[in-house]
Amino acid sequence: MTTETVVNLAYIVAAVLFIVGLKMLNRQRTARAGNMISGSAMLLAVVVTLLSQGMDYTYIIIGLVVGAVIGAIAALRVAMTSMPEMVALFNGFGGAASLLVAWSEYEKGRWLWLHEVPGPVAVVAIVFAIFIGGVTFSGSLIAYGKLAGKLAGKPLAFFGQQLLDVLIILGAIVCGVMFVMSPTSMYIVFLVLVGLSLVFGIAVALPIGGADMPVVIALLNSCSGLAACAAGFVIDNTVLIVAGSLVGASGLILTSIMCKAMNRSLKNVLLGGLGGTAGTSAAVAGDVKPIDPESAYYILEAASSVIIVPGYGMAVAQAQHAVRQLAQLLEDNGTQVSFGIHPVAGRMPGHMNVLLAEANVPYEQLVEMDEVNRQIDNIDVAIVIGANDVVNPAAREQENCPIYGMPIINADRANSVIVLKRSMASGFAGIDNPLFYRENTRMLFGDAKSSIEALVSQFKE
């Protein structure tokens, strides 16, 4: 077989492994294996591509070693609470890589193009790789800043924001058309296109509130894939086109799922974030009813069914292992235990699933929102751990509320509700939660991990 045949066969194998790995990511029990298979596919594609080019590997090896060391240290040191911002950075670096690949090919080719004009596919692909890659990079940096608390989590809207977005898009289209028509003499236009892509990413991400971050991360993940796909057309690499298309398509599907879970359109997310000017929640009247761990224990000890609703507060407190221990003790006591998972709980898609998987919570105990709501009226106790907006009855009852219409887990309809929170502070949407004032709700204040460990101690005594 010729070298070209071997390379193409390796690319086919890598593409198949990508698809298999992506499919396996759909289930918690197979997700780790799917991740390894997808990673192996990428390794195969990279190695085959490098070997087939016959290049000097000195700088490539140096880059691989440096990158591997940085990646390994970052992965080992990152806390589970910081995983969303790391994912945002990964998306951004993916977009930046695609931008730099396209830029490099343009720098290399624009002198050759003086003698041989390139095909329109390559030139158009450069435009798309530059623009989508730039938007992904700068938008992901803003998302990182919001998730890491370095930027305000609330939407940063400004007068003329939508007009600015339209002008940037029109400017990018004009620059793209001019570049495609005459790529060799449009270097300044090319640089303007790079600048517009970076500015557009910032302009789009700044007005988006923290509550919409799961949608934003899914969308940026899709953009990083689309940018990689465009870069594949630029360098005529089949496996990069396939891999980028898979990531782009799956990211768009996930974005659609996230939007449906919040009962919002993607346009609404991009043009007006939660906590903006979409309305205000009504003032909540009533008094909260605090409870101590001992009293909470007596409620749980007598329950025949308990559903645990985790949120970002559980991640902050690193309470997932204590929660798993409490669930096991409840089961040993004859209680039926399940975990109610809201699609946008946390700061990225699947955030709660990842945390509970780390604590070895059986996948069978994870129940999706719709199924939870079908059985919630018959649940004895709902334990809400650090969740806020995803269990807020205002989304169901107050039409002027910013999150009105967003599907929630109806925890308030359980016979009893125990809410674990540090304080009465609002969630990312910045609105009060009437659940905390309901007659059947008791508030267990304090660090979630410490509170759960206190309950565990009560069961063991």
Protein backbone atom coordinates (compact mmCIF):
# COMPACT_ATOMS: atom_id res chain seq x y z
CA MET A 1 0.00 0.00 0.00
CA THR A 2 1.09 3.55 -0.69
CA THR A 3 1.67 6.05 2.08
CA GLU A 4 -1.42 7.97 1.03
CA THR A 5 -3.55 4.82 1.33
CA VAL A 6 -2.23 4.06 4.82
CA VAL A 7 -2.89 7.63 5.91
CA ASN A 8 -6.46 7.57 4.58
CA LEU A 9 -7.15 4.22 6.26
CA ALA A 10 -5.84 5.60 9.54
CA TYR A 11 -8.09 8.63 9.13
CA ILE A 12 -11.11 6.36 8.57
CA VAL A 13 -10.27 4.41 11.74
CA ALA A 14 -9.87 7.67 13.66
CA ALA A 15 -13.21 8.98 12.36
CA VAL A 16 -14.99 5.78 13.41
CA LEU A 17 -13.40 5.94 16.85
CA PHE A 18 -14.51 9.57 17.17
CA ILE A 19 -18.12 8.58 16.47
CA VAL A 20 -18.00 5.58 18.84
CA GLY A 21 -16.41 7.67 21.60
CA LEU A 22 -18.95 10.46 21.15
CA LYS A 23 -21.79 7.95 21.37
CA MET A 24 -20.36 6.49 24.58
CA LEU A 25 -20.26 9.95 26.17
CA ASN A 26 -24.05 9.82 26.16
CA ARG A 27 -24.07 7.50 29.19
CA GLN A 28 -22.41 8.11 32.54
CA ARG A 29 -21.22 4.53 32.94
CA THR A 30 -19.50 4.55 29.53
CA ALA A 31 -18.38 8.20 29.48
CA ARG A 32 -14.83 7.57 30.72
CA ALA A 33 -14.24 4.83 28.15
CA GLY A 34 -15.73 7.06 25.46
CA ASN A 35 -13.38 9.87 26.43
CA MET A 36 -10.39 7.52 26.19
CA ILE A 37 -11.51 6.21 22.79
CA SER A 38 -11.97 9.73 21.44
CA GLY A 39 -8.57 10.75 22.81
CA SER A 40 -6.96 7.70 21.20
CA ALA A 41 -8.57 8.63 17.89
CA MET A 42 -7.11 12.12 18.10
CA LEU A 43 -3.68 10.72 19.01
CA LEU A 44 -3.82 8.37 16.01
CA ALA A 45 -4.83 11.20 13.68
CA VAL A 46 -2.08 13.53 14.94
CA VAL A 47 0.68 10.89 14.78
CA VAL A 48 -0.29 9.73 11.28
CA THR A 49 -0.50 13.31 10.03
CA LEU A 50 2.92 14.21 11.42
CA LEU A 51 4.61 11.06 10.12
CA SER A 52 3.16 11.54 6.64
CA GLN A 53 4.55 15.08 6.28
CA GLY A 54 8.25 14.26 6.65
CA MET A 55 9.00 17.38 8.70
CA ASP A 56 11.50 18.38 11.35
CA TYR A 57 9.95 17.27 14.63
CA THR A 58 12.20 19.21 16.99
CA TYR A 59 9.81 22.06 17.71
CA ILE A 60 6.80 19.75 17.55
CA ILE A 61 8.23 17.49 20.25
CA ILE A 62 9.15 20.50 22.39
CA GLY A 63 5.61 21.83 22.00
CA LEU A 64 4.09 18.44 22.85
CA VAL A 65 6.18 18.09 25.99
CA VAL A 66 5.52 21.63 27.20
CA GLY A 67 1.80 21.36 26.44
CA ALA A 68 1.49 17.95 28.07
CA VAL A 69 3.20 19.16 31.25
CA ILE A 70 1.01 22.28 31.46
CA GLY A 71 -2.15 20.26 30.75
CA ALA A 72 -1.31 17.56 33.28
CA ILE A 73 -0.54 20.07 36.04
CA ALA A 74 -3.73 22.02 35.28
CA ALA A 75 -5.87 18.87 35.25
CA LEU A 76 -4.41 17.56 38.51
CA ARG A 77 -4.72 20.85 40.34
CA VAL A 78 -8.12 22.01 39.14
CA ALA A 79 -10.96 21.65 41.63
CA MET A 80 -14.28 20.24 40.47
CA THR A 81 -15.81 23.65 41.16
CA SER A 82 -13.38 25.15 38.66
CA MET A 83 -14.06 22.61 35.93
CA PRO A 84 -16.52 24.87 34.02
CA GLU A 85 -13.96 27.65 33.62
CA MET A 86 -11.34 25.10 32.51
CA VAL A 87 -13.77 23.83 29.87
CA ALA A 88 -14.29 27.44 28.77
CA LEU A 89 -10.53 27.88 28.42
CA PHE A 90 -10.23 24.65 26.43
CA ASN A 91 -12.91 25.92 24.05
CA GLY A 92 -11.06 29.21 23.72
CA PHE A 93 -7.70 27.58 23.03
CA GLY A 94 -9.34 25.37 20.40
CA GLY A 95 -10.67 28.45 18.65
CA ALA A 96 -7.30 30.20 18.91
CA ALA A 97 -5.53 27.16 17.44
CA SER A 98 -7.84 27.16 14.42
CA LEU A 99 -7.33 30.90 13.95
CA LEU A 100 -3.55 30.51 14.07
CA VAL A 101 -3.59 27.57 11.64
CA ALA A 102 -5.58 29.62 9.12
CA TRP A 103 -3.37 32.66 9.67
CA SER A 104 -0.22 30.57 9.20
CA GLU A 105 -1.52 29.08 5.96
CA TYR A 106 -2.39 32.55 4.70
CA GLU A 107 1.07 33.91 5.56
CA LYS A 108 2.67 30.93 3.84
CA GLY A 109 0.42 31.00 0.83
CA ARG A 110 -0.05 34.65 -0.01
CA TRP A 111 3.36 34.85 -1.72
CA LEU A 112 2.70 31.64 -3.66
CA TRP A 113 -0.73 32.91 -4.65
CA LEU A 114 0.94 35.65 -6.69
CA HIS A 115 1.72 32.91 -9.22
CA GLU A 116 -1.16 30.50 -8.63
CA VAL A 117 -4.53 31.72 -7.41
CA PRO A 118 -6.01 29.32 -4.79
CA GLY A 119 -9.42 27.75 -5.11
CA PRO A 120 -12.39 29.54 -3.55
CA VAL A 121 -12.90 26.76 -0.97
CA ALA A 122 -9.50 27.39 0.66
CA VAL A 123 -9.96 31.16 0.79
CA VAL A 124 -13.52 30.99 2.14
CA ALA A 125 -12.36 28.41 4.70
CA ILE A 126 -9.67 30.84 5.91
CA VAL A 127 -12.33 33.52 6.45
CA PHE A 128 -14.54 31.15 8.45
CA ALA A 129 -11.65 29.72 10.48
CA ILE A 130 -10.42 33.21 11.36
CA PHE A 131 -13.80 34.64 12.29
CA ILE A 132 -15.26 31.65 14.18
CA GLY A 133 -11.91 30.93 15.84
CA GLY A 134 -11.52 34.54 16.98
CA VAL A 135 -15.09 34.73 18.32
CA THR A 136 -14.59 31.44 20.19
CA PHE A 137 -11.31 32.59 21.72
CA SER A 138 -12.37 36.00 23.00
CA GLY A 139 -15.87 34.84 23.96
CA SER A 140 -14.43 31.94 25.93
CA LEU A 141 -12.08 34.26 27.81
CA ILE A 142 -15.07 36.36 28.88
CA ALA A 143 -16.94 33.19 29.90
CA TYR A 144 -13.90 32.11 31.90
CA GLY A 145 -13.77 35.48 33.63
CA LYS A 146 -17.44 35.29 34.61
CA LEU A 147 -17.22 31.71 35.82
CA ALA A 148 -14.02 32.33 37.79
CA GLY A 149 -15.45 35.43 39.44
CA LYS A 150 -12.90 37.72 37.79
CA LEU A 151 -15.73 39.48 35.96
CA ALA A 152 -19.23 40.28 37.19
CA GLY A 153 -21.59 37.35 36.66
CA LYS A 154 -24.56 39.58 35.88
CA PRO A 155 -25.27 40.62 32.28
CA LEU A 156 -23.31 43.69 31.19
CA ALA A 157 -25.71 45.37 28.79
CA PHE A 158 -25.06 48.75 27.23
CA PHE A 159 -26.88 51.17 24.98
CA GLY A 160 -26.62 50.27 21.31
CA GLN A 161 -25.38 46.77 22.08
CA GLN A 162 -27.46 45.04 19.40
CA LEU A 163 -26.64 47.74 16.84
CA LEU A 164 -22.93 47.19 17.54
CA ASP A 165 -23.34 43.46 16.99
CA VAL A 166 -25.06 44.05 13.64
CA LEU A 167 -22.37 46.52 12.53
CA ILE A 168 -19.59 44.06 13.42
CA ILE A 169 -21.29 41.27 11.48
CA LEU A 170 -21.80 43.52 8.45
CA GLY A 171 -18.18 44.66 8.67
CA ALA A 172 -16.99 41.05 8.86
CA ILE A 173 -19.08 40.14 5.80
CA VAL A 174 -17.66 43.07 3.81
CA CYS A 175 -14.09 42.17 4.83
CA GLY A 176 -14.69 38.51 4.03
CA VAL A 177 -16.03 39.28 0.55
CA MET A 178 -13.15 41.66 -0.21
CA PHE A 179 -10.63 39.07 0.99
CA VAL A 180 -12.13 36.26 -1.09
CA MET A 181 -12.14 38.44 -4.21
CA SER A 182 -8.46 39.36 -3.89
CA PRO A 183 -6.63 37.49 -1.09
CA THR A 184 -3.10 38.47 -2.14
CA SER A 185 -3.64 42.25 -1.84
CA MET A 186 -5.96 42.37 1.19
CA TYR A 187 -3.61 41.91 4.13
CA ILE A 188 -4.97 44.95 5.98
CA VAL A 189 -8.51 43.73 5.40
CA PHE A 190 -7.44 40.34 6.74
CA LEU A 191 -6.11 41.93 9.94
CA VAL A 192 -9.33 43.95 10.33
CA LEU A 193 -11.28 40.68 10.04
CA VAL A 194 -9.17 39.18 12.85
CA GLY A 195 -9.84 42.23 15.01
CA LEU A 196 -13.58 42.17 14.31
CA SER A 197 -13.79 38.50 15.27
CA LEU A 198 -12.14 39.15 18.63
CA VAL A 199 -14.31 42.19 19.35
CA PHE A 200 -17.48 40.31 18.37
CA GLY A 201 -16.69 37.47 20.79
CA ILE A 202 -16.38 39.99 23.63
CA ALA A 203 -19.50 41.92 22.57
CA VAL A 204 -21.59 38.73 22.49
CA ALA A 205 -20.33 37.21 25.76
CA LEU A 206 -20.40 40.28 28.03
CA PRO A 207 -24.21 40.76 28.06
CA ILE A 208 -24.83 37.10 28.95
CA GLY A 209 -25.56 36.41 32.61
CA GLY A 210 -24.08 33.67 34.75
CA ALA A 211 -27.33 31.69 34.78
CA ASP A 212 -27.00 31.22 31.02
CA MET A 213 -23.43 29.93 31.20
CA PRO A 214 -24.33 26.26 30.53
CA VAL A 215 -25.84 27.37 27.21
CA VAL A 216 -22.86 29.59 26.41
CA ILE A 217 -20.32 26.86 27.11
CA ALA A 218 -22.22 24.42 24.88
CA LEU A 219 -22.36 27.02 22.11
CA LEU A 220 -18.66 27.91 22.41
CA ASN A 221 -17.82 24.20 22.31
CA SER A 222 -19.75 23.97 19.06
CA CYS A 223 -17.93 27.03 17.69
CA SER A 224 -14.54 25.52 18.52
CA GLY A 225 -15.54 22.44 16.50
CA LEU A 226 -16.76 24.51 13.56
CA ALA A 227 -13.52 26.52 13.61
CA ALA A 228 -11.52 23.27 13.57
CA CYS A 229 -13.63 22.02 10.66
CA ALA A 230 -12.89 25.20 8.72
CA ALA A 231 -9.18 24.85 9.53
CA GLY A 232 -9.39 21.30 8.15
CA PHE A 233 -10.54 22.72 4.81
CA VAL A 234 -7.73 25.27 4.94
CA ILE A 235 -4.99 22.63 5.27
CA ASP A 236 -6.95 19.95 3.35
CA ASN A 237 -7.00 17.50 6.28
CA THR A 238 -9.91 15.06 6.17
CA VAL A 239 -9.83 13.86 9.77
CA LEU A 240 -9.81 17.45 11.09
CA ILE A 241 -12.88 18.19 8.99
CA VAL A 242 -14.65 15.10 10.34
CA ALA A 243 -13.69 15.71 13.98
CA GLY A 244 -14.58 19.39 13.80
CA SER A 245 -17.93 18.60 12.19
CA LEU A 246 -18.76 16.08 14.93
CA VAL A 247 -17.90 18.53 17.71
CA GLY A 248 -19.73 21.36 15.98
CA ALA A 249 -22.90 19.34 15.37
CA SER A 250 -22.97 17.76 18.84
CA GLY A 251 -22.37 21.15 20.43
CA LEU A 252 -25.27 22.69 18.52
CA ILE A 253 -27.55 19.83 19.57
CA LEU A 254 -26.48 20.26 23.20
CA THR A 255 -27.07 24.03 22.93
CA SER A 256 -30.58 23.36 21.66
CA ILE A 257 -31.23 20.94 24.52
CA MET A 258 -30.00 23.50 27.06
CA CYS A 259 -32.23 26.22 25.59
CA LYS A 260 -35.26 23.94 25.67
CA ALA A 261 -34.49 23.03 29.28
CA MET A 262 -34.67 26.74 30.12
CA ASN A 263 -37.65 27.37 27.83
CA ARG A 264 -35.68 30.06 26.05
CA SER A 265 -34.50 30.62 22.50
CA LEU A 266 -30.82 30.96 21.64
CA LYS A 267 -31.60 34.47 20.39
CA ASN A 268 -33.02 35.36 23.79
CA VAL A 269 -29.91 34.02 25.52
CA LEU A 270 -27.52 35.95 23.28
CA LEU A 271 -29.46 39.21 23.23
CA GLY A 272 -30.70 39.37 26.81
CA GLY A 273 -29.24 37.45 29.73
CA LEU A 274 -31.01 36.44 32.89
CA GLY A 275 -30.94 39.07 35.55
CA GLY A 276 -31.01 41.86 32.99
CA THR A 277 -33.96 44.09 32.30
CA ALA A 278 -36.43 41.30 31.52
CA GLY A 279 -38.49 42.02 34.63
CA THR A 280 -38.25 41.82 38.38
CA SER A 281 -39.45 39.25 40.84
CA ALA A 282 -42.10 40.10 43.38
CA ALA A 283 -41.07 40.66 46.98
CA VAL A 284 -41.41 37.50 49.04
CA ALA A 285 -43.37 37.78 52.27
CA GLY A 286 -43.02 35.46 55.23
CA ASP A 287 -40.41 34.07 57.56
CA VAL A 288 -37.91 31.31 56.98
CA LYS A 289 -37.86 28.36 59.36
CA PRO A 290 -34.31 27.36 60.32
CA ILE A 291 -33.58 23.81 61.38
CA ASP A 292 -30.60 22.11 63.00
CA PRO A 293 -29.00 18.81 61.87
CA GLU A 294 -30.60 16.83 64.68
CA SER A 295 -34.13 17.94 63.77
CA ALA A 296 -33.39 17.34 60.08
CA TYR A 297 -32.24 13.83 60.98
CA TYR A 298 -35.59 13.01 62.59
CA ILE A 299 -37.41 14.13 59.42
CA LEU A 300 -35.17 12.02 57.20
CA GLU A 301 -35.15 9.02 59.51
CA ALA A 302 -38.93 8.77 59.22
CA ALA A 303 -39.04 9.27 55.43
CA SER A 304 -39.78 6.40 53.08
CA SER A 305 -38.71 8.36 49.96
CA VAL A 306 -36.13 11.12 49.57
CA ILE A 307 -35.02 13.00 46.49
CA ILE A 308 -31.79 15.01 46.54
CA VAL A 309 -31.57 18.05 44.24
CA PRO A 310 -27.93 19.16 43.87
CA GLY A 311 -26.79 22.57 42.65
CA TYR A 312 -23.68 24.67 42.34
CA GLY A 313 -23.55 25.08 46.13
CA MET A 314 -22.77 21.37 46.42
CA ALA A 315 -19.86 21.84 44.05
CA VAL A 316 -18.55 24.85 45.97
CA ALA A 317 -18.67 22.92 49.25
CA GLN A 318 -17.17 19.78 47.65
CA ALA A 319 -19.98 17.89 49.37
CA GLN A 320 -20.61 15.18 46.76
CA HIS A 321 -18.83 12.42 48.71
CA ALA A 322 -20.68 13.29 51.92
CA VAL A 323 -23.93 13.33 49.97
CA ARG A 324 -23.19 9.87 48.61
CA GLN A 325 -22.53 8.64 52.16
CA LEU A 326 -25.81 10.12 53.40
CA ALA A 327 -27.70 8.52 50.52
CA GLN A 328 -26.22 5.13 51.40
CA LEU A 329 -27.22 5.51 55.06
CA LEU A 330 -30.75 6.47 54.04
CA GLU A 331 -30.97 3.38 51.84
CA ASP A 332 -29.71 1.19 54.68
CA ASN A 333 -32.54 2.70 56.73
CA GLY A 334 -35.07 1.47 54.14
CA THR A 335 -35.52 4.82 52.37
CA GLN A 336 -35.84 5.04 48.59
CA VAL A 337 -33.28 7.62 47.43
CA SER A 338 -32.88 9.32 44.07
CA PHE A 339 -31.12 12.41 42.72
CA GLY A 340 -33.08 15.01 40.75
CA ILE A 341 -30.88 16.46 38.01
CA HIS A 342 -31.86 19.72 36.34
CA PRO A 343 -30.25 20.11 32.87
CA VAL A 344 -28.74 23.51 33.68
CA ALA A 345 -27.82 22.98 37.33
CA GLY A 346 -24.25 24.11 37.92
CA ARG A 347 -22.09 26.09 35.54
CA MET A 348 -21.77 23.75 32.56
CA PRO A 349 -23.81 20.99 30.88
CA GLY A 350 -23.65 17.81 32.96
CA HIS A 351 -21.91 19.52 35.88
CA MET A 352 -23.94 17.67 38.54
CA ASN A 353 -23.56 14.36 36.71
CA VAL A 354 -19.77 14.76 36.74
CA LEU A 355 -19.70 15.57 40.45
CA LEU A 356 -21.93 12.65 41.42
CA ALA A 357 -20.01 10.27 39.16
CA GLU A 358 -16.82 11.31 40.98
CA ALA A 359 -18.53 10.25 44.23
CA ASN A 360 -19.58 6.91 42.65
CA VAL A 361 -23.29 7.61 42.86
CA PRO A 362 -25.01 4.84 40.82
CA TYR A 363 -26.25 6.11 37.48
CA GLU A 364 -29.62 4.45 38.10
CA GLN A 365 -30.27 6.88 40.96
CA LEU A 366 -30.02 9.94 38.70
CA VAL A 367 -33.48 11.08 37.63
CA GLU A 368 -34.14 13.74 34.99
CA MET A 369 -36.29 16.78 35.71
CA ASP A 370 -39.46 15.62 33.93
CA GLU A 371 -39.46 12.28 35.74
CA VAL A 372 -38.84 14.01 39.08
CA ASN A 373 -41.83 16.29 38.57
CA ARG A 374 -44.08 13.36 37.74
CA GLN A 375 -43.38 11.72 41.10
CA ILE A 376 -42.61 14.72 43.34
CA ASP A 377 -46.10 14.86 44.92
CA ASN A 378 -45.48 11.43 46.42
CA ILE A 379 -41.97 12.18 47.74
CA ASP A 380 -41.68 12.51 51.52
CA VAL A 381 -38.61 14.77 51.62
CA ALA A 382 -36.77 16.82 49.00
CA ILE A 383 -33.23 17.83 50.01
CA VAL A 384 -32.07 20.87 48.02
CA ILE A 385 -28.30 21.27 48.25
CA GLY A 386 -27.04 24.62 47.03
CA ALA A 387 -29.54 24.83 44.17
CA ASN A 388 -31.52 28.05 43.77
CA ASP A 389 -32.88 29.15 40.40
CA VAL A 390 -33.57 25.58 39.20
CA VAL A 391 -36.04 25.03 42.09
CA ASN A 392 -37.48 28.56 42.22
CA PRO A 393 -41.32 28.47 42.07
CA ALA A 394 -41.27 32.06 40.75
CA ALA A 395 -40.40 30.59 37.35
CA ARG A 396 -43.77 28.88 37.45
CA GLU A 397 -45.88 31.50 39.23
CA GLN A 398 -44.63 35.07 38.61
CA GLU A 399 -45.10 36.32 35.04
CA ASN A 400 -42.92 39.39 35.58
CA CYS A 401 -40.03 37.29 36.88
CA PRO A 402 -36.86 37.17 34.68
CA ILE A 403 -36.88 33.35 34.76
CA TYR A 404 -40.64 32.97 34.21
CA GLY A 405 -41.37 30.00 31.96
CA MET A 406 -38.08 28.23 32.69
CA PRO A 407 -38.86 24.61 33.62
CA ILE A 408 -37.83 23.86 37.20
CA ILE A 409 -37.74 20.89 39.53
CA ASN A 410 -40.92 21.33 41.58
CA ALA A 411 -39.23 20.58 44.90
CA ASP A 412 -41.80 22.75 46.72
CA ARG A 413 -44.45 20.11 46.01
CA ALA A 414 -42.76 17.43 48.09
CA ASN A 415 -44.29 16.77 51.51
CA SER A 416 -41.25 18.32 53.23
CA VAL A 417 -38.32 20.29 51.87
CA ILE A 418 -34.91 20.73 53.52
CA VAL A 419 -32.80 23.43 51.88
CA LEU A 420 -29.06 23.52 52.58
CA LYS A 421 -27.59 27.00 52.03
CA ARG A 422 -24.91 29.19 53.53
CA SER A 423 -27.22 32.20 53.60
CA MET A 424 -30.34 33.68 52.04
CA ALA A 425 -28.35 35.05 49.11
CA SER A 426 -30.02 34.80 45.70
CA GLY A 427 -28.78 32.65 42.83
CA PHE A 428 -27.21 33.79 39.56
CA ALA A 429 -30.55 35.17 38.34
CA GLY A 430 -30.41 37.61 41.26
CA ILE A 431 -34.00 37.07 42.47
CA ASP A 432 -35.60 35.86 45.69
CA ASN A 433 -36.78 32.27 45.97
CA PRO A 434 -40.31 31.80 47.44
CA LEU A 435 -39.45 28.15 48.16
CA PHE A 436 -37.43 29.24 51.20
CA TYR A 437 -40.55 30.74 52.80
CA ARG A 438 -43.00 27.89 52.18
CA GLU A 439 -44.73 26.20 55.12
CA ASN A 440 -43.23 22.81 54.24
CA THR A 441 -39.66 24.17 53.89
CA ARG A 442 -36.94 24.13 56.53
CA MET A 443 -33.60 25.90 56.06
CA LEU A 444 -30.43 24.15 57.23
CA PHE A 445 -27.89 26.97 57.14
CA GLY A 446 -24.14 26.45 56.93
CA ASP A 447 -21.52 24.88 54.71
CA ALA A 448 -23.21 22.07 52.78
CA LYS A 449 -20.44 19.56 53.41
CA SER A 450 -20.42 20.23 57.16
CA SER A 451 -24.21 20.04 57.32
CA ILE A 452 -24.30 16.73 55.45
CA GLU A 453 -21.51 15.32 57.60
CA ALA A 454 -23.52 16.31 60.70
CA LEU A 455 -26.51 14.38 59.33
CA VAL A 456 -24.27 11.41 58.61
CA SER A 457 -23.07 11.49 62.23
CA GLN A 458 -26.67 11.54 63.45
CA PHE A 459 -27.46 8.39 61.42
CA LYS A 460 -24.37 6.62 62.71
CA GLU A 461 -25.06 7.29 66.39
